[in-house]
PDB file of N, CA and C in Angstrom:
ATOM      1  N   UNK A   1     187.176 -66.239-251.931  1.00  0.00           N
ATOM      2  CA  UNK A   1     186.551 -67.143-250.999  1.00  0.00           C
ATOM      3  C   UNK A   1     186.556 -66.521-249.599  1.00  0.00           C
ATOM      4  N   UNK A   2     185.570 -66.881-248.824  1.00  0.00           N
ATOM      5  CA  UNK A   2     185.463 -66.311-247.483  1.00  0.00           C
ATOM      6  C   UNK A   2     186.460 -66.971-246.523  1.00  0.00           C
ATOM      7  N   UNK A   3     186.759 -66.256-245.456  1.00  0.00           N
ATOM      8  CA  UNK A   3     187.623 -66.808-244.416  1.00  0.00           C
ATOM      9  C   UNK A   3     187.006 -68.084-243.844  1.00  0.00           C
ATOM     10  N   UNK A   4     185.689 -68.077-243.651  1.00  0.00           N
ATOM     11  CA  UNK A   4     184.995 -69.251-243.115  1.00  0.00           C
ATOM     12  C   UNK A   4     185.224 -70.451-244.028  1.00  0.00           C
ATOM     13  N   UNK A   5     184.989 -70.295-245.313  1.00  0.00           N
ATOM     14  CA  UNK A   5     185.158 -71.397-246.264  1.00  0.00           C
ATOM     15  C   UNK A   5     186.603 -71.892-246.271  1.00  0.00           C
ATOM     16  N   UNK A   6     187.542 -70.980-246.234  1.00  0.00           N
ATOM     17  CA  UNK A   6     188.951 -71.378-246.215  1.00  0.00           C
ATOM     18  C   UNK A   6     189.284 -72.192-244.973  1.00  0.00           C
ATOM     19  N   UNK A   7     188.715 -71.826-243.833  1.00  0.00           N
ATOM     20  CA  UNK A   7     188.953 -72.598-242.599  1.00  0.00           C
ATOM     21  C   UNK A   7     188.334 -73.981-242.712  1.00  0.00           C
ATOM     22  N   UNK A   8     187.141 -74.068-243.311  1.00  0.00           N
ATOM     23  CA  UNK A   8     186.486 -75.371-243.517  1.00  0.00           C
ATOM     24  C   UNK A   8     187.358 -76.242-244.408  1.00  0.00           C
ATOM     25  N   UNK A   9     187.817 -75.708-245.510  1.00  0.00           N
ATOM     26  CA  UNK A   9     188.620 -76.499-246.443  1.00  0.00           C
ATOM     27  C   UNK A   9     189.942 -76.928-245.823  1.00  0.00           C
ATOM     28  N   UNK A  10     190.557 -76.044-245.045  1.00  0.00           N
ATOM     29  CA  UNK A  10     191.827 -76.382-244.386  1.00  0.00           C
ATOM     30  C   UNK A  10     191.626 -77.547-243.404  1.00  0.00           C
ATOM     31  N   UNK A  11     190.548 -77.505-242.632  1.00  0.00           N
ATOM     32  CA  UNK A  11     190.261 -78.581-241.679  1.00  0.00           C
ATOM     33  C   UNK A  11     189.911 -79.873-242.412  1.00  0.00           C
ATOM     34  N   UNK A  12     189.163 -79.768-243.491  1.00  0.00           N
ATOM     35  CA  UNK A  12     188.765 -80.953-244.258  1.00  0.00           C
ATOM     36  C   UNK A  12     189.978 -81.623-244.890  1.00  0.00           C
ATOM     37  N   UNK A  13     190.927 -80.849-245.315  1.00  0.00           N
ATOM     38  CA  UNK A  13     192.140 -81.379-245.944  1.00  0.00           C
ATOM     39  C   UNK A  13     192.916 -82.307-245.001  1.00  0.00           C
ATOM     40  N   UNK A  14     192.711 -82.156-243.704  1.00  0.00           N
ATOM     41  CA  UNK A  14     193.430 -82.963-242.710  1.00  0.00           C
ATOM     42  C   UNK A  14     192.775 -84.317-242.442  1.00  0.00           C
ATOM     43  N   UNK A  15     191.598 -84.584-243.018  1.00  0.00           N
ATOM     44  CA  UNK A  15     190.926 -85.871-242.791  1.00  0.00           C
ATOM     45  C   UNK A  15     191.650 -86.926-243.622  1.00  0.00           C
ATOM     46  N   UNK A  16     192.235 -87.933-242.974  1.00  0.00           N
ATOM     47  CA  UNK A  16     193.003 -88.928-243.724  1.00  0.00           C
ATOM     48  C   UNK A  16     192.117 -89.923-244.479  1.00  0.00           C
ATOM     49  N   UNK A  17     192.723 -90.589-245.432  1.00  0.00           N
ATOM     50  CA  UNK A  17     192.048 -91.646-246.186  1.00  0.00           C
ATOM     51  C   UNK A  17     191.538 -92.696-245.205  1.00  0.00           C
ATOM     52  N   UNK A  18     190.289 -93.133-245.408  1.00  0.00           N
ATOM     53  CA  UNK A  18     189.702 -94.157-244.550  1.00  0.00           C
ATOM     54  C   UNK A  18     189.074 -93.617-243.277  1.00  0.00           C
ATOM     55  N   UNK A  19     189.070 -92.307-243.118  1.00  0.00           N
ATOM     56  CA  UNK A  19     188.467 -91.678-241.946  1.00  0.00           C
ATOM     57  C   UNK A  19     187.420 -90.675-242.390  1.00  0.00           C
ATOM     58  N   UNK A  20     186.560 -90.288-241.468  1.00  0.00           N
ATOM     59  CA  UNK A  20     185.477 -89.354-241.734  1.00  0.00           C
ATOM     60  C   UNK A  20     185.387 -88.310-240.637  1.00  0.00           C
ATOM     61  N   UNK A  21     184.707 -87.231-240.957  1.00  0.00           N
ATOM     62  CA  UNK A  21     184.296 -86.237-239.969  1.00  0.00           C
ATOM     63  C   UNK A  21     182.840 -85.920-240.277  1.00  0.00           C
ATOM     64  N   UNK A  22     182.141 -85.409-239.284  1.00  0.00           N
ATOM     65  CA  UNK A  22     180.773 -84.947-239.526  1.00  0.00           C
ATOM     66  C   UNK A  22     180.821 -83.443-239.782  1.00  0.00           C
ATOM     67  N   UNK A  23     179.756 -82.940-240.383  1.00  0.00           N
ATOM     68  CA  UNK A  23     179.662 -81.502-240.609  1.00  0.00           C
ATOM     69  C   UNK A  23     179.770 -80.760-239.270  1.00  0.00           C
ATOM     70  N   UNK A  24     179.128 -81.300-238.245  1.00  0.00           N
ATOM     71  CA  UNK A  24     179.174 -80.694-236.917  1.00  0.00           C
ATOM     72  C   UNK A  24     180.565 -80.709-236.313  1.00  0.00           C
ATOM     73  N   UNK A  25     181.284 -81.809-236.490  1.00  0.00           N
ATOM     74  CA  UNK A  25     182.656 -81.881-235.986  1.00  0.00           C
ATOM     75  C   UNK A  25     183.518 -80.798-236.619  1.00  0.00           C
ATOM     76  N   UNK A  26     183.387 -80.644-237.925  1.00  0.00           N
ATOM     77  CA  UNK A  26     184.179 -79.613-238.600  1.00  0.00           C
ATOM     78  C   UNK A  26     183.824 -78.227-238.095  1.00  0.00           C
ATOM     79  N   UNK A  27     182.539 -78.001-237.850  1.00  0.00           N
ATOM     80  CA  UNK A  27     182.113 -76.697-237.331  1.00  0.00           C
ATOM     81  C   UNK A  27     182.798 -76.415-235.993  1.00  0.00           C
ATOM     82  N   UNK A  28     182.840 -77.403-235.125  1.00  0.00           N
ATOM     83  CA  UNK A  28     183.508 -77.249-233.827  1.00  0.00           C
ATOM     84  C   UNK A  28     185.002 -77.043-234.029  1.00  0.00           C
ATOM     85  N   UNK A  29     185.602 -77.817-234.914  1.00  0.00           N
ATOM     86  CA  UNK A  29     187.038 -77.736-235.173  1.00  0.00           C
ATOM     87  C   UNK A  29     187.467 -76.339-235.593  1.00  0.00           C
ATOM     88  N   UNK A  30     186.640 -75.682-236.396  1.00  0.00           N
ATOM     89  CA  UNK A  30     187.024 -74.342-236.863  1.00  0.00           C
ATOM     90  C   UNK A  30     186.531 -73.235-235.939  1.00  0.00           C
ATOM     91  N   UNK A  31     185.955 -73.629-234.796  1.00  0.00           N
ATOM     92  CA  UNK A  31     185.541 -72.643-233.799  1.00  0.00           C
ATOM     93  C   UNK A  31     184.163 -72.050-234.021  1.00  0.00           C
ATOM     94  N   UNK A  32     183.331 -72.753-234.763  1.00  0.00           N
ATOM     95  CA  UNK A  32     181.972 -72.266-235.046  1.00  0.00           C
ATOM     96  C   UNK A  32     180.934 -73.342-234.743  1.00  0.00           C
ATOM     97  N   UNK A  33     180.834 -73.778-233.472  1.00  0.00           N
ATOM     98  CA  UNK A  33     179.844 -74.809-233.160  1.00  0.00           C
ATOM     99  C   UNK A  33     178.450 -74.343-233.566  1.00  0.00           C
ATOM    100  N   UNK A  34     177.674 -75.253-234.069  1.00  0.00           N
ATOM    101  CA  UNK A  34     176.335 -74.914-234.516  1.00  0.00           C
ATOM    102  C   UNK A  34     176.279 -74.485-235.976  1.00  0.00           C
ATOM    103  N   UNK A  35     177.418 -74.478-236.649  1.00  0.00           N
ATOM    104  CA  UNK A  35     177.458 -74.032-238.041  1.00  0.00           C
ATOM    105  C   UNK A  35     177.602 -75.196-239.019  1.00  0.00           C
ATOM    106  N   UNK A  36     177.034 -76.345-238.666  1.00  0.00           N
ATOM    107  CA  UNK A  36     177.166 -77.530-239.515  1.00  0.00           C
ATOM    108  C   UNK A  36     176.618 -77.290-240.919  1.00  0.00           C
ATOM    109  N   UNK A  37     175.486 -76.632-241.011  1.00  0.00           N
ATOM    110  CA  UNK A  37     174.890 -76.366-242.327  1.00  0.00           C
ATOM    111  C   UNK A  37     175.793 -75.452-243.156  1.00  0.00           C
ATOM    112  N   UNK A  38     176.378 -74.455-242.511  1.00  0.00           N
ATOM    113  CA  UNK A  38     177.293 -73.550-243.215  1.00  0.00           C
ATOM    114  C   UNK A  38     178.541 -74.300-243.685  1.00  0.00           C
ATOM    115  N   UNK A  39     178.992 -75.263-242.887  1.00  0.00           N
ATOM    116  CA  UNK A  39     180.118 -76.112-243.297  1.00  0.00           C
ATOM    117  C   UNK A  39     179.739 -76.868-244.568  1.00  0.00           C
ATOM    118  N   UNK A  40     178.540 -77.439-244.581  1.00  0.00           N
ATOM    119  CA  UNK A  40     178.072 -78.146-245.768  1.00  0.00           C
ATOM    120  C   UNK A  40     178.024 -77.246-246.989  1.00  0.00           C
ATOM    121  N   UNK A  41     177.562 -76.032-246.795  1.00  0.00           N
ATOM    122  CA  UNK A  41     177.504 -75.081-247.905  1.00  0.00           C
ATOM    123  C   UNK A  41     178.903 -74.739-248.422  1.00  0.00           C
ATOM    124  N   UNK A  42     179.839 -74.565-247.520  1.00  0.00           N
ATOM    125  CA  UNK A  42     181.221 -74.271-247.925  1.00  0.00           C
ATOM    126  C   UNK A  42     181.814 -75.452-248.696  1.00  0.00           C
ATOM    127  N   UNK A  43     181.539 -76.663-248.228  1.00  0.00           N
ATOM    128  CA  UNK A  43     182.062 -77.836-248.915  1.00  0.00           C
ATOM    129  C   UNK A  43     181.434 -78.008-250.290  1.00  0.00           C
ATOM    130  N   UNK A  44     180.180 -77.623-250.424  1.00  0.00           N
ATOM    131  CA  UNK A  44     179.521 -77.712-251.725  1.00  0.00           C
ATOM    132  C   UNK A  44     180.197 -76.802-252.750  1.00  0.00           C
ATOM    133  N   UNK A  45     180.836 -75.743-252.277  1.00  0.00           N
ATOM    134  CA  UNK A  45     181.523 -74.794-253.153  1.00  0.00           C
ATOM    135  C   UNK A  45     183.019 -75.104-253.301  1.00  0.00           C
ATOM    136  N   UNK A  46     183.459 -76.234-252.766  1.00  0.00           N
ATOM    137  CA  UNK A  46     184.872 -76.607-252.737  1.00  0.00           C
ATOM    138  C   UNK A  46     185.476 -76.679-254.145  1.00  0.00           C
ATOM    139  N   UNK A  47     186.365 -75.744-254.481  1.00  0.00           N
ATOM    140  CA  UNK A  47     187.001 -75.781-255.800  1.00  0.00           C
ATOM    141  C   UNK A  47     188.285 -76.616-255.820  1.00  0.00           C
ATOM    142  N   UNK A  48     188.648 -77.193-254.667  1.00  0.00           N
ATOM    143  CA  UNK A  48     189.929 -77.874-254.541  1.00  0.00           C
ATOM    144  C   UNK A  48     189.834 -79.399-254.464  1.00  0.00           C
ATOM    145  N   UNK A  49     188.668 -79.959-254.738  1.00  0.00           N
ATOM    146  CA  UNK A  49     188.531 -81.418-254.710  1.00  0.00           C
ATOM    147  C   UNK A  49     189.400 -82.004-255.823  1.00  0.00           C
ATOM    148  N   UNK A  50     190.041 -83.095-255.600  1.00  0.00           N
ATOM    149  CA  UNK A  50     190.043 -83.948-254.418  1.00  0.00           C
ATOM    150  C   UNK A  50     191.120 -83.611-253.390  1.00  0.00           C
ATOM    151  N   UNK A  51     191.889 -82.530-253.617  1.00  0.00           N
ATOM    152  CA  UNK A  51     192.906 -82.140-252.638  1.00  0.00           C
ATOM    153  C   UNK A  51     192.245 -81.866-251.293  1.00  0.00           C
ATOM    154  N   UNK A  52     191.111 -81.203-251.305  1.00  0.00           N
ATOM    155  CA  UNK A  52     190.274 -81.035-250.110  1.00  0.00           C
ATOM    156  C   UNK A  52     189.176 -82.093-250.237  1.00  0.00           C
ATOM    157  N   UNK A  53     189.310 -83.193-249.485  1.00  0.00           N
ATOM    158  CA  UNK A  53     188.435 -84.360-249.672  1.00  0.00           C
ATOM    159  C   UNK A  53     187.061 -84.211-249.016  1.00  0.00           C
ATOM    160  N   UNK A  54     186.226 -83.376-249.602  1.00  0.00           N
ATOM    161  CA  UNK A  54     184.915 -83.106-249.010  1.00  0.00           C
ATOM    162  C   UNK A  54     184.030 -84.351-248.971  1.00  0.00           C
ATOM    163  N   UNK A  55     184.375 -85.370-249.757  1.00  0.00           N
ATOM    164  CA  UNK A  55     183.594 -86.611-249.713  1.00  0.00           C
ATOM    165  C   UNK A  55     183.748 -87.333-248.368  1.00  0.00           C
ATOM    166  N   UNK A  56     184.734 -86.959-247.573  1.00  0.00           N
ATOM    167  CA  UNK A  56     184.968 -87.598-246.271  1.00  0.00           C
ATOM    168  C   UNK A  56     184.185 -86.946-245.142  1.00  0.00           C
ATOM    169  N   UNK A  57     183.237 -86.089-245.476  1.00  0.00           N
ATOM    170  CA  UNK A  57     182.405 -85.431-244.464  1.00  0.00           C
ATOM    171  C   UNK A  57     180.973 -85.922-244.630  1.00  0.00           C
ATOM    172  N   UNK A  58     180.392 -86.394-243.513  1.00  0.00           N
ATOM    173  CA  UNK A  58     179.052 -86.982-243.533  1.00  0.00           C
ATOM    174  C   UNK A  58     178.187 -86.370-242.434  1.00  0.00           C
ATOM    175  N   UNK A  59     176.922 -86.702-242.481  1.00  0.00           N
ATOM    176  CA  UNK A  59     175.992 -86.244-241.451  1.00  0.00           C
ATOM    177  C   UNK A  59     176.247 -86.983-240.140  1.00  0.00           C
ATOM    178  N   UNK A  60     175.858 -86.398-239.041  1.00  0.00           N
ATOM    179  CA  UNK A  60     176.057 -87.014-237.725  1.00  0.00           C
ATOM    180  C   UNK A  60     175.254 -88.302-237.568  1.00  0.00           C
ATOM    181  N   UNK A  61     174.264 -88.498-238.406  1.00  0.00           N
ATOM    182  CA  UNK A  61     173.452 -89.725-238.376  1.00  0.00           C
ATOM    183  C   UNK A  61     174.126 -90.867-239.133  1.00  0.00           C
ATOM    184  N   UNK A  62     175.215 -90.564-239.826  1.00  0.00           N
ATOM    185  CA  UNK A  62     175.896 -91.559-240.642  1.00  0.00           C
ATOM    186  C   UNK A  62     175.472 -91.518-242.102  1.00  0.00           C
ATOM    187  N   UNK A  63     174.409 -90.747-242.403  1.00  0.00           N
ATOM    188  CA  UNK A  63     174.004 -90.602-243.802  1.00  0.00           C
ATOM    189  C   UNK A  63     175.119 -89.875-244.549  1.00  0.00           C
ATOM    190  N   UNK A  64     175.312 -90.228-245.820  1.00  0.00           N
ATOM    191  CA  UNK A  64     176.437 -89.654-246.543  1.00  0.00           C
ATOM    192  C   UNK A  64     176.284 -88.168-246.815  1.00  0.00           C
ATOM    193  N   UNK A  65     175.094 -87.661-246.915  1.00  0.00           N
ATOM    194  CA  UNK A  65     174.901 -86.236-247.170  1.00  0.00           C
ATOM    195  C   UNK A  65     175.108 -85.898-248.629  1.00  0.00           C
ATOM    196  N   UNK A  66     175.184 -84.620-248.911  1.00  0.00           N
ATOM    197  CA  UNK A  66     175.278 -84.165-250.286  1.00  0.00           C
ATOM    198  C   UNK A  66     176.681 -84.247-250.849  1.00  0.00           C
ATOM    199  N   UNK A  67     176.737 -84.106-252.172  1.00  0.00           N
ATOM    200  CA  UNK A  67     178.015 -84.128-252.878  1.00  0.00           C
ATOM    201  C   UNK A  67     177.783 -83.520-254.246  1.00  0.00           C
ATOM    202  N   UNK A  68     178.687 -82.678-254.686  1.00  0.00           N
ATOM    203  CA  UNK A  68     178.508 -81.975-255.961  1.00  0.00           C
ATOM    204  C   UNK A  68     178.317 -82.938-257.126  1.00  0.00           C
ATOM    205  N   UNK A  69     178.996 -84.073-257.104  1.00  0.00           N
ATOM    206  CA  UNK A  69     178.873 -85.066-258.177  1.00  0.00           C
ATOM    207  C   UNK A  69     177.789 -86.100-257.906  1.00  0.00           C
ATOM    208  N   UNK A  70     177.004 -85.889-256.863  1.00  0.00           N
ATOM    209  CA  UNK A  70     175.908 -86.798-256.536  1.00  0.00           C
ATOM    210  C   UNK A  70     176.286 -87.828-255.489  1.00  0.00           C
ATOM    211  N   UNK A  71     175.281 -88.342-254.778  1.00  0.00           N
ATOM    212  CA  UNK A  71     175.539 -89.283-253.687  1.00  0.00           C
ATOM    213  C   UNK A  71     176.157 -90.608-254.138  1.00  0.00           C
ATOM    214  N   UNK A  72     175.838 -91.084-255.320  1.00  0.00           N
ATOM    215  CA  UNK A  72     176.424 -92.352-255.785  1.00  0.00           C
ATOM    216  C   UNK A  72     177.933 -92.230-255.924  1.00  0.00           C
ATOM    217  N   UNK A  73     178.390 -91.106-256.439  1.00  0.00           N
ATOM    218  CA  UNK A  73     179.831 -90.880-256.581  1.00  0.00           C
ATOM    219  C   UNK A  73     180.499 -90.773-255.207  1.00  0.00           C
ATOM    220  N   UNK A  74     179.841 -90.084-254.264  1.00  0.00           N
ATOM    221  CA  UNK A  74     180.392 -89.950-252.915  1.00  0.00           C
ATOM    222  C   UNK A  74     180.501 -91.321-252.256  1.00  0.00           C
ATOM    223  N   UNK A  75     179.473 -92.127-252.387  1.00  0.00           N
ATOM    224  CA  UNK A  75     179.482 -93.470-251.812  1.00  0.00           C
ATOM    225  C   UNK A  75     180.588 -94.310-252.434  1.00  0.00           C
ATOM    226  N   UNK A  76     180.743 -94.226-253.747  1.00  0.00           N
ATOM    227  CA  UNK A  76     181.801 -94.983-254.423  1.00  0.00           C
ATOM    228  C   UNK A  76     183.185 -94.567-253.922  1.00  0.00           C
ATOM    229  N   UNK A  77     183.406 -93.267-253.767  1.00  0.00           N
ATOM    230  CA  UNK A  77     184.687 -92.785-253.253  1.00  0.00           C
ATOM    231  C   UNK A  77     184.942 -93.292-251.836  1.00  0.00           C
ATOM    232  N   UNK A  78     183.927 -93.198-250.987  1.00  0.00           N
ATOM    233  CA  UNK A  78     184.087 -93.646-249.598  1.00  0.00           C
ATOM    234  C   UNK A  78     184.350 -95.150-249.534  1.00  0.00           C
ATOM    235  N   UNK A  79     183.610 -95.924-250.311  1.00  0.00           N
ATOM    236  CA  UNK A  79     183.832 -97.376-250.325  1.00  0.00           C
ATOM    237  C   UNK A  79     185.233 -97.712-250.821  1.00  0.00           C
ATOM    238  N   UNK A  80     185.731 -96.954-251.792  1.00  0.00           N
ATOM    239  CA  UNK A  80     187.081 -97.209-252.307  1.00  0.00           C
ATOM    240  C   UNK A  80     188.147 -96.931-251.250  1.00  0.00           C
ATOM    241  N   UNK A  81     187.786 -96.161-250.221  1.00  0.00           N
ATOM    242  CA  UNK A  81     188.707 -95.862-249.122  1.00  0.00           C
ATOM    243  C   UNK A  81     188.468 -96.758-247.905  1.00  0.00           C
ATOM    244  N   UNK A  82     187.594 -97.756-248.070  1.00  0.00           N
ATOM    245  CA  UNK A  82     187.373 -98.728-246.996  1.00  0.00           C
ATOM    246  C   UNK A  82     186.253 -98.389-246.037  1.00  0.00           C
ATOM    247  N   UNK A  83     185.460 -97.379-246.345  1.00  0.00           N
ATOM    248  CA  UNK A  83     184.341 -97.005-245.485  1.00  0.00           C
ATOM    249  C   UNK A  83     183.167 -97.929-245.800  1.00  0.00           C
ATOM    250  N   UNK A  84     182.582 -98.512-244.767  1.00  0.00           N
ATOM    251  CA  UNK A  84     181.444 -99.415-244.947  1.00  0.00           C
ATOM    252  C   UNK A  84     180.152 -98.604-245.010  1.00  0.00           C
ATOM    253  N   UNK A  85     179.396 -98.779-246.111  1.00  0.00           N
ATOM    254  CA  UNK A  85     178.150 -98.048-246.309  1.00  0.00           C
ATOM    255  C   UNK A  85     177.072 -99.020-246.758  1.00  0.00           C
ATOM    256  N   UNK A  86     175.920 -98.924-246.104  1.00  0.00           N
ATOM    257  CA  UNK A  86     174.755 -99.722-246.479  1.00  0.00           C
ATOM    258  C   UNK A  86     173.565 -98.784-246.564  1.00  0.00           C
ATOM    259  N   UNK A  87     172.854 -98.828-247.668  1.00  0.00           N
ATOM    260  CA  UNK A  87     171.661 -98.003-247.872  1.00  0.00           C
ATOM    261  C   UNK A  87     171.929 -96.515-247.616  1.00  0.00           C
ATOM    262  N   UNK A  88     173.062 -96.028-248.097  1.00  0.00           N
ATOM    263  CA  UNK A  88     173.372 -94.608-247.977  1.00  0.00           C
ATOM    264  C   UNK A  88     173.804 -94.145-246.605  1.00  0.00           C
ATOM    265  N   UNK A  89     174.139 -95.087-245.725  1.00  0.00           N
ATOM    266  CA  UNK A  89     174.518 -94.746-244.354  1.00  0.00           C
ATOM    267  C   UNK A  89     175.811 -95.484-243.981  1.00  0.00           C
ATOM    268  N   UNK A  90     176.696 -94.780-243.294  1.00  0.00           N
ATOM    269  CA  UNK A  90     177.944 -95.388-242.830  1.00  0.00           C
ATOM    270  C   UNK A  90     177.625 -96.376-241.719  1.00  0.00           C
ATOM    271  N   UNK A  91     178.151 -97.580-241.861  1.00  0.00           N
ATOM    272  CA  UNK A  91     177.975 -98.617-240.850  1.00  0.00           C
ATOM    273  C   UNK A  91     179.029 -98.393-239.767  1.00  0.00           C
ATOM    274  N   UNK A  92     178.589 -98.333-238.508  1.00  0.00           N
ATOM    275  CA  UNK A  92     179.499 -98.125-237.379  1.00  0.00           C
ATOM    276  C   UNK A  92     180.315 -96.839-237.551  1.00  0.00           C
ATOM    277  N   UNK A  93     179.610 -95.731-237.649  1.00  0.00           N
ATOM    278  CA  UNK A  93     180.226 -94.425-237.901  1.00  0.00           C
ATOM    279  C   UNK A  93     181.389 -94.134-236.968  1.00  0.00           C
ATOM    280  N   UNK A  94     181.233 -94.434-235.687  1.00  0.00           N
ATOM    281  CA  UNK A  94     182.276 -94.106-234.697  1.00  0.00           C
ATOM    282  C   UNK A  94     183.614 -94.732-235.062  1.00  0.00           C
ATOM    283  N   UNK A  95     183.580 -95.877-235.702  1.00  0.00           N
ATOM    284  CA  UNK A  95     184.793 -96.581-236.105  1.00  0.00           C
ATOM    285  C   UNK A  95     185.616 -95.758-237.097  1.00  0.00           C
ATOM    286  N   UNK A  96     184.947 -94.944-237.894  1.00  0.00           N
ATOM    287  CA  UNK A  96     185.620 -94.221-238.963  1.00  0.00           C
ATOM    288  C   UNK A  96     185.879 -92.743-238.670  1.00  0.00           C
ATOM    289  N   UNK A  97     185.359 -92.234-237.579  1.00  0.00           N
ATOM    290  CA  UNK A  97     185.535 -90.807-237.264  1.00  0.00           C
ATOM    291  C   UNK A  97     186.967 -90.497-236.850  1.00  0.00           C
ATOM    292  N   UNK A  98     187.437 -89.305-237.261  1.00  0.00           N
ATOM    293  CA  UNK A  98     188.785 -88.860-236.874  1.00  0.00           C
ATOM    294  C   UNK A  98     188.771 -88.448-235.433  1.00  0.00           C
TER     295      UNK A  98
END
């Protein structure tokens, strides 16, 4: 695995239950602002789920974004952690951001 992917997974692992980060936030956290898409690509390759909870990363618009097991599974996981989602979008995103 690349150093970049390992940094993404390490940062993602720190997102607590019931909280979210955006792809852009993670990019900034690992020192690569503007690399939100690359963060998404690294998370798509995450071999450590659910230890690395990639389902807790969403788009800056509040849309849930992609997930290896599909968006319905991601939404179900997020709802089980208390995240409010309507029509594929997090309600009041700021409330849930780390």
